[in-house]
Amino acid sequence: GFWRGPVWITTNWFIFKGLLNYGFWEIAQKIKQASVDLVIRSGFREHFNPETGEGQGAENFTWGTLVVDMMETDT
């Protein structure tokens, strides 16, 4: 259950990059914005509740900083 259900910024980053690679710009933008919104709401957390966006797990988790890479990518 640990890996099934929560939202992980790392997973979102891989999906975001793949979508860009195949030209799905609009969907990539939605993933990017949703990821940024999670970090703004709950900080750099290990993972997030998929229904509420509440930050869960470790605080100040560095994987969350992948949103910076997402933000620097124009979509």
N, C-alpha and C. Protein backbone atom coordinates (compact mmCIF):
# COMPACT_ATOMS: atom_id res chain seq x y z
N GLY A 1 0.78 -1.20 0.00
CA GLY A 1 0.00 0.00 0.00
C GLY A 1 0.83 1.27 0.00
N PHE A 2 2.09 1.18 0.46
CA PHE A 2 2.92 2.38 0.55
C PHE A 2 3.12 3.04 -0.80
N TRP A 3 3.37 2.26 -1.83
CA TRP A 3 3.61 2.79 -3.17
C TRP A 3 2.36 2.87 -4.01
N ARG A 4 1.26 2.33 -3.51
CA ARG A 4 0.00 2.35 -4.25
C ARG A 4 -0.93 3.37 -3.65
N GLY A 5 -1.13 4.44 -4.32
CA GLY A 5 -2.07 5.45 -3.85
C GLY A 5 -1.49 6.83 -3.68
N PRO A 6 -0.43 7.00 -2.86
CA PRO A 6 0.09 8.35 -2.67
C PRO A 6 0.65 8.95 -3.97
N VAL A 7 0.66 10.25 -4.03
CA VAL A 7 1.25 10.98 -5.15
C VAL A 7 2.70 11.25 -4.80
N TRP A 8 3.59 10.88 -5.72
CA TRP A 8 5.03 11.09 -5.54
C TRP A 8 5.50 12.06 -6.61
N ILE A 9 6.19 13.12 -6.23
CA ILE A 9 6.69 14.10 -7.20
C ILE A 9 7.64 13.43 -8.18
N THR A 10 8.41 12.45 -7.71
CA THR A 10 9.34 11.76 -8.60
C THR A 10 8.59 11.08 -9.75
N THR A 11 7.51 10.40 -9.43
CA THR A 11 6.70 9.74 -10.47
C THR A 11 6.11 10.78 -11.41
N ASN A 12 5.59 11.87 -10.84
CA ASN A 12 5.04 12.93 -11.68
C ASN A 12 6.11 13.49 -12.63
N TRP A 13 7.34 13.62 -12.14
CA TRP A 13 8.43 14.14 -12.96
C TRP A 13 8.70 13.22 -14.16
N PHE A 14 8.76 11.91 -13.91
CA PHE A 14 8.99 10.97 -15.01
C PHE A 14 7.85 11.02 -16.03
N ILE A 15 6.62 11.09 -15.55
CA ILE A 15 5.47 11.17 -16.46
C ILE A 15 5.53 12.47 -17.25
N PHE A 16 5.82 13.58 -16.57
CA PHE A 16 5.94 14.88 -17.20
C PHE A 16 6.97 14.85 -18.33
N LYS A 17 8.16 14.33 -18.05
CA LYS A 17 9.22 14.25 -19.06
C LYS A 17 8.81 13.37 -20.24
N GLY A 18 8.18 12.24 -19.95
CA GLY A 18 7.73 11.35 -21.03
C GLY A 18 6.68 12.01 -21.91
N LEU A 19 5.73 12.70 -21.28
CA LEU A 19 4.71 13.40 -22.06
C LEU A 19 5.32 14.46 -22.97
N LEU A 20 6.29 15.20 -22.44
CA LEU A 20 6.97 16.20 -23.28
C LEU A 20 7.70 15.53 -24.44
N ASN A 21 8.35 14.42 -24.15
CA ASN A 21 9.11 13.70 -25.17
C ASN A 21 8.23 13.28 -26.35
N TYR A 22 6.97 12.97 -26.06
CA TYR A 22 6.06 12.52 -27.11
C TYR A 22 5.09 13.60 -27.58
N GLY A 23 5.34 14.85 -27.15
CA GLY A 23 4.58 15.98 -27.68
C GLY A 23 3.23 16.23 -27.02
N PHE A 24 2.99 15.66 -25.86
CA PHE A 24 1.73 15.88 -25.16
C PHE A 24 1.88 17.07 -24.21
N TRP A 25 2.04 18.25 -24.79
CA TRP A 25 2.36 19.46 -24.04
C TRP A 25 1.27 19.84 -23.05
N GLU A 26 0.02 19.79 -23.48
CA GLU A 26 -1.09 20.23 -22.62
C GLU A 26 -1.22 19.37 -21.37
N ILE A 27 -1.13 18.07 -21.53
CA ILE A 27 -1.24 17.17 -20.37
C ILE A 27 -0.01 17.34 -19.47
N ALA A 28 1.16 17.52 -20.07
CA ALA A 28 2.38 17.75 -19.29
C ALA A 28 2.23 19.00 -18.44
N GLN A 29 1.65 20.05 -18.99
CA GLN A 29 1.43 21.29 -18.26
C GLN A 29 0.53 21.05 -17.05
N LYS A 30 -0.50 20.24 -17.21
CA LYS A 30 -1.41 19.95 -16.09
C LYS A 30 -0.69 19.19 -14.98
N ILE A 31 0.16 18.24 -15.35
CA ILE A 31 0.93 17.48 -14.35
C ILE A 31 1.89 18.43 -13.63
N LYS A 32 2.54 19.29 -14.39
CA LYS A 32 3.47 20.25 -13.79
C LYS A 32 2.75 21.15 -12.81
N GLN A 33 1.64 21.73 -13.21
CA GLN A 33 0.92 22.66 -12.34
C GLN A 33 0.38 21.96 -11.10
N ALA A 34 -0.13 20.75 -11.26
CA ALA A 34 -0.63 20.00 -10.10
C ALA A 34 0.50 19.70 -9.12
N SER A 35 1.68 19.39 -9.64
CA SER A 35 2.83 19.10 -8.78
C SER A 35 3.29 20.34 -8.03
N VAL A 36 3.36 21.45 -8.74
CA VAL A 36 3.74 22.72 -8.11
C VAL A 36 2.73 23.09 -7.02
N ASP A 37 1.44 22.92 -7.32
CA ASP A 37 0.40 23.23 -6.35
C ASP A 37 0.53 22.39 -5.07
N LEU A 38 0.89 21.12 -5.23
CA LEU A 38 1.09 20.25 -4.06
C LEU A 38 2.21 20.78 -3.18
N VAL A 39 3.33 21.16 -3.79
CA VAL A 39 4.47 21.65 -3.03
C VAL A 39 4.15 23.00 -2.37
N ILE A 40 3.45 23.87 -3.08
CA ILE A 40 3.06 25.15 -2.50
C ILE A 40 2.16 24.93 -1.28
N ARG A 41 1.24 23.98 -1.39
CA ARG A 41 0.28 23.72 -0.32
C ARG A 41 0.93 23.06 0.90
N SER A 42 1.77 22.05 0.64
CA SER A 42 2.25 21.21 1.75
C SER A 42 3.76 21.18 1.93
N GLY A 43 4.49 21.89 1.09
CA GLY A 43 5.95 21.89 1.21
C GLY A 43 6.58 20.69 0.52
N PHE A 44 7.88 20.56 0.70
CA PHE A 44 8.63 19.46 0.08
C PHE A 44 8.46 18.22 0.94
N ARG A 45 7.45 17.45 0.62
CA ARG A 45 7.13 16.25 1.39
C ARG A 45 7.50 15.01 0.59
N GLU A 46 7.58 13.89 1.29
CA GLU A 46 7.94 12.62 0.65
C GLU A 46 6.89 12.20 -0.37
N HIS A 47 5.62 12.33 0.01
CA HIS A 47 4.51 12.01 -0.89
C HIS A 47 3.28 12.75 -0.40
N PHE A 48 2.19 12.66 -1.18
CA PHE A 48 0.99 13.44 -0.91
C PHE A 48 -0.25 12.57 -1.02
N ASN A 49 -1.26 12.93 -0.23
CA ASN A 49 -2.55 12.25 -0.31
C ASN A 49 -3.18 12.61 -1.66
N PRO A 50 -3.59 11.60 -2.46
CA PRO A 50 -4.12 11.89 -3.79
C PRO A 50 -5.48 12.58 -3.80
N GLU A 51 -6.20 12.50 -2.69
CA GLU A 51 -7.53 13.10 -2.64
C GLU A 51 -7.52 14.50 -2.02
N THR A 52 -6.67 14.71 -1.01
CA THR A 52 -6.68 15.99 -0.31
C THR A 52 -5.47 16.86 -0.62
N GLY A 53 -4.40 16.27 -1.15
CA GLY A 53 -3.16 17.01 -1.40
C GLY A 53 -2.32 17.21 -0.15
N GLU A 54 -2.78 16.65 0.97
CA GLU A 54 -2.04 16.78 2.22
C GLU A 54 -0.67 16.12 2.10
N GLY A 55 0.36 16.82 2.55
CA GLY A 55 1.70 16.27 2.56
C GLY A 55 1.82 15.15 3.56
N GLN A 56 2.53 14.08 3.18
CA GLN A 56 2.69 12.92 4.04
C GLN A 56 4.15 12.47 4.03
N GLY A 57 4.48 11.60 4.96
CA GLY A 57 5.84 11.08 5.02
C GLY A 57 6.81 12.14 5.51
N ALA A 58 8.06 11.98 5.10
CA ALA A 58 9.13 12.86 5.56
C ALA A 58 8.92 14.30 5.10
N GLU A 59 9.34 15.24 5.93
CA GLU A 59 9.30 16.66 5.57
C GLU A 59 10.64 17.06 4.97
N ASN A 60 10.62 18.13 4.19
CA ASN A 60 11.83 18.63 3.52
C ASN A 60 12.51 17.53 2.70
N PHE A 61 11.71 16.79 1.98
CA PHE A 61 12.19 15.66 1.20
C PHE A 61 12.69 16.16 -0.15
N THR A 62 13.92 15.85 -0.49
CA THR A 62 14.55 16.47 -1.65
C THR A 62 13.96 16.05 -3.00
N TRP A 63 13.29 14.91 -3.07
CA TRP A 63 12.67 14.53 -4.35
C TRP A 63 11.68 15.58 -4.81
N GLY A 64 11.07 16.25 -3.86
CA GLY A 64 10.09 17.28 -4.20
C GLY A 64 10.68 18.43 -4.99
N THR A 65 12.00 18.60 -4.88
CA THR A 65 12.63 19.70 -5.61
C THR A 65 12.63 19.47 -7.12
N LEU A 66 12.22 18.31 -7.56
CA LEU A 66 12.10 18.08 -9.01
C LEU A 66 11.08 19.02 -9.63
N VAL A 67 10.19 19.62 -8.83
CA VAL A 67 9.27 20.60 -9.40
C VAL A 67 10.04 21.80 -9.96
N VAL A 68 11.21 22.09 -9.40
CA VAL A 68 12.02 23.19 -9.92
C VAL A 68 12.43 22.89 -11.36
N ASP A 69 12.85 21.66 -11.61
CA ASP A 69 13.19 21.25 -12.98
C ASP A 69 11.98 21.34 -13.89
N MET A 70 10.82 20.94 -13.38
CA MET A 70 9.59 21.01 -14.17
C MET A 70 9.25 22.45 -14.52
N MET A 71 9.43 23.34 -13.55
CA MET A 71 9.09 24.75 -13.76
C MET A 71 10.04 25.40 -14.77
N GLU A 72 11.27 24.92 -14.85
CA GLU A 72 12.23 25.50 -15.79
C GLU A 72 12.04 24.99 -17.21
N THR A 73 11.16 24.01 -17.38
CA THR A 73 10.88 23.46 -18.70
C THR A 73 9.66 24.15 -19.27
N ASP A 74 9.81 24.79 -20.41
CA ASP A 74 8.68 25.47 -21.05
C ASP A 74 7.74 24.45 -21.67
N THR A 75 6.46 24.60 -21.32
CA THR A 75 5.41 23.78 -21.96
C THR A 75 4.32 24.67 -22.45
